[in-house]
Amino acid sequence: MWNTHASNTLFNPFNPVLTIDLSIPKEDHTLVKVFNLQGRLVTTLFDGVLAPGRHALRFDGAAYSSGMYFVHASSNDGAASIRKVMLLK
């Protein structure tokens, strides 16, 4: 469903902006959320309908503490994925 990267490097660790590339096979409602290590919602990056194709979302971690975060992407068709990312300042 998706690929993750920060600038032109691997996605772990990132500082402070993470770009999340989503590859959507068909139009569907898509939800992308970021959670902290305690499982608390940090932010919702996207909650809406995406057309088929590639889409890029940005998570700006400048206002957040260094540490581990989980990016959860899901769609109404049942596809879901969780990525573990590390913010280092």
C-alpha atoms as a PDB file:
ATOM      1  CA  MET A   1       0.000   0.000   0.000  1.00  0.00           C
ATOM      2  CA  TRP A   2       2.764   2.463   0.744  1.00  0.00           C
ATOM      3  CA  ASN A   3       6.417   3.355   0.815  1.00  0.00           C
ATOM      4  CA  THR A   4       8.112   5.611   3.328  1.00  0.00           C
ATOM      5  CA  HIS A   5      11.153   7.833   2.989  1.00  0.00           C
ATOM      6  CA  ALA A   6      12.711  10.985   4.405  1.00  0.00           C
ATOM      7  CA  SER A   7      14.244  13.157   1.700  1.00  0.00           C
ATOM      8  CA  ASN A   8      16.546  10.901  -0.337  1.00  0.00           C
ATOM      9  CA  THR A   9      17.466   8.625   2.547  1.00  0.00           C
ATOM     10  CA  LEU A  10      15.957   5.640   4.242  1.00  0.00           C
ATOM     11  CA  PHE A  11      13.010   6.450   6.457  1.00  0.00           C
ATOM     12  CA  ASN A  12      14.689   5.548   9.750  1.00  0.00           C
ATOM     13  CA  PRO A  13      15.690   7.736  11.442  1.00  0.00           C
ATOM     14  CA  PHE A  14      14.176  10.985  10.194  1.00  0.00           C
ATOM     15  CA  ASN A  15      14.727  14.610  11.231  1.00  0.00           C
ATOM     16  CA  PRO A  16      12.351  16.412  11.277  1.00  0.00           C
ATOM     17  CA  VAL A  17      10.217  15.720   8.172  1.00  0.00           C
ATOM     18  CA  LEU A  18       9.065  12.290   7.021  1.00  0.00           C
ATOM     19  CA  THR A  19       7.504  11.849   3.582  1.00  0.00           C
ATOM     20  CA  ILE A  20       5.076   8.970   3.269  1.00  0.00           C
ATOM     21  CA  ASP A  21       4.380   7.770  -0.268  1.00  0.00           C
ATOM     22  CA  LEU A  22       1.087   5.956  -0.692  1.00  0.00           C
ATOM     23  CA  SER A  23       0.337   3.842  -3.739  1.00  0.00           C
ATOM     24  CA  ILE A  24      -3.427   3.517  -4.024  1.00  0.00           C
ATOM     25  CA  PRO A  25      -4.710   0.813  -6.442  1.00  0.00           C
ATOM     26  CA  LYS A  26      -8.321   2.084  -6.552  1.00  0.00           C
ATOM     27  CA  GLU A  27     -10.317   5.033  -5.247  1.00  0.00           C
ATOM     28  CA  ASP A  28     -11.009   4.468  -1.581  1.00  0.00           C
ATOM     29  CA  HIS A  29     -11.307   6.179   1.767  1.00  0.00           C
ATOM     30  CA  THR A  30      -7.822   6.303   3.275  1.00  0.00           C
ATOM     31  CA  LEU A  31      -6.824   7.053   6.851  1.00  0.00           C
ATOM     32  CA  VAL A  32      -3.229   7.765   7.908  1.00  0.00           C
ATOM     33  CA  LYS A  33      -2.493   8.398  11.592  1.00  0.00           C
ATOM     34  CA  VAL A  34       0.663   8.755  13.684  1.00  0.00           C
ATOM     35  CA  PHE A  35       0.845   7.302  17.198  1.00  0.00           C
ATOM     36  CA  ASN A  36       3.503   7.623  19.888  1.00  0.00           C
ATOM     37  CA  LEU A  37       5.107   4.711  21.697  1.00  0.00           C
ATOM     38  CA  GLN A  38       2.350   4.751  24.347  1.00  0.00           C
ATOM     39  CA  GLY A  39      -0.268   4.276  21.632  1.00  0.00           C
ATOM     40  CA  ARG A  40      -1.646   7.815  21.885  1.00  0.00           C
ATOM     41  CA  LEU A  41      -2.706   9.540  18.686  1.00  0.00           C
ATOM     42  CA  VAL A  42      -0.185  12.253  17.777  1.00  0.00           C
ATOM     43  CA  THR A  43      -1.791  13.466  14.551  1.00  0.00           C
ATOM     44  CA  THR A  44      -4.000  12.427  11.674  1.00  0.00           C
ATOM     45  CA  LEU A  45      -2.113  13.017   8.428  1.00  0.00           C
ATOM     46  CA  PHE A  46      -5.012  12.208   6.117  1.00  0.00           C
ATOM     47  CA  ASP A  47      -8.656  11.183   6.412  1.00  0.00           C
ATOM     48  CA  GLY A  48     -10.485  11.191   3.108  1.00  0.00           C
ATOM     49  CA  VAL A  49     -10.874   9.686  -0.345  1.00  0.00           C
ATOM     50  CA  LEU A  50      -7.811   9.234  -2.542  1.00  0.00           C
ATOM     51  CA  ALA A  51      -7.896   8.560  -6.277  1.00  0.00           C
ATOM     52  CA  PRO A  52      -5.827   5.698  -7.689  1.00  0.00           C
ATOM     53  CA  GLY A  53      -2.134   6.452  -8.041  1.00  0.00           C
ATOM     54  CA  ARG A  54       0.737   7.721  -5.939  1.00  0.00           C
ATOM     55  CA  HIS A  55       0.279  10.295  -3.197  1.00  0.00           C
ATOM     56  CA  ALA A  56       2.775  11.896  -0.807  1.00  0.00           C
ATOM     57  CA  LEU A  57       1.994  12.906   2.775  1.00  0.00           C
ATOM     58  CA  ARG A  58       4.337  14.764   5.108  1.00  0.00           C
ATOM     59  CA  PHE A  59       4.762  14.270   8.829  1.00  0.00           C
ATOM     60  CA  ASP A  60       6.602  17.245  10.322  1.00  0.00           C
ATOM     61  CA  GLY A  61       8.097  16.090  13.608  1.00  0.00           C
ATOM     62  CA  ALA A  62       9.558  19.494  14.565  1.00  0.00           C
ATOM     63  CA  ALA A  63       7.004  19.974  17.352  1.00  0.00           C
ATOM     64  CA  TYR A  64       7.425  16.450  18.755  1.00  0.00           C
ATOM     65  CA  SER A  65       9.987  14.768  20.988  1.00  0.00           C
ATOM     66  CA  SER A  66      12.654  12.458  19.663  1.00  0.00           C
ATOM     67  CA  GLY A  67      11.566   8.853  19.825  1.00  0.00           C
ATOM     68  CA  MET A  68       9.693   6.016  18.196  1.00  0.00           C
ATOM     69  CA  TYR A  69       6.421   6.626  16.362  1.00  0.00           C
ATOM     70  CA  PHE A  70       4.027   4.353  14.494  1.00  0.00           C
ATOM     71  CA  VAL A  71       2.437   5.394  11.204  1.00  0.00           C
ATOM     72  CA  HIS A  72      -0.808   3.527  10.553  1.00  0.00           C
ATOM     73  CA  ALA A  73      -2.362   3.593   7.071  1.00  0.00           C
ATOM     74  CA  SER A  74      -5.666   1.912   6.321  1.00  0.00           C
ATOM     75  CA  SER A  75      -8.446   1.935   3.750  1.00  0.00           C
ATOM     76  CA  ASN A  76     -12.073   0.856   3.674  1.00  0.00           C
ATOM     77  CA  ASP A  77     -11.242  -2.177   1.530  1.00  0.00           C
ATOM     78  CA  GLY A  78      -9.460  -3.714   4.527  1.00  0.00           C
ATOM     79  CA  ALA A  79      -5.866  -2.925   3.552  1.00  0.00           C
ATOM     80  CA  ALA A  80      -3.823  -1.747   6.513  1.00  0.00           C
ATOM     81  CA  SER A  81      -0.177  -1.284   7.349  1.00  0.00           C
ATOM     82  CA  ILE A  82       1.864  -0.011  10.283  1.00  0.00           C
ATOM     83  CA  ARG A  83       5.397   1.360  10.013  1.00  0.00           C
ATOM     84  CA  LYS A  84       7.729   2.036  12.902  1.00  0.00           C
ATOM     85  CA  VAL A  85       9.715   5.269  12.456  1.00  0.00           C
ATOM     86  CA  MET A  86      12.318   6.998  14.617  1.00  0.00           C
ATOM     87  CA  LEU A  87      12.484  10.757  15.041  1.00  0.00           C
ATOM     88  CA  LEU A  88      15.978  11.936  16.021  1.00  0.00           C
ATOM     89  CA  LYS A  89      16.698  15.578  16.747  1.00  0.00           C
END
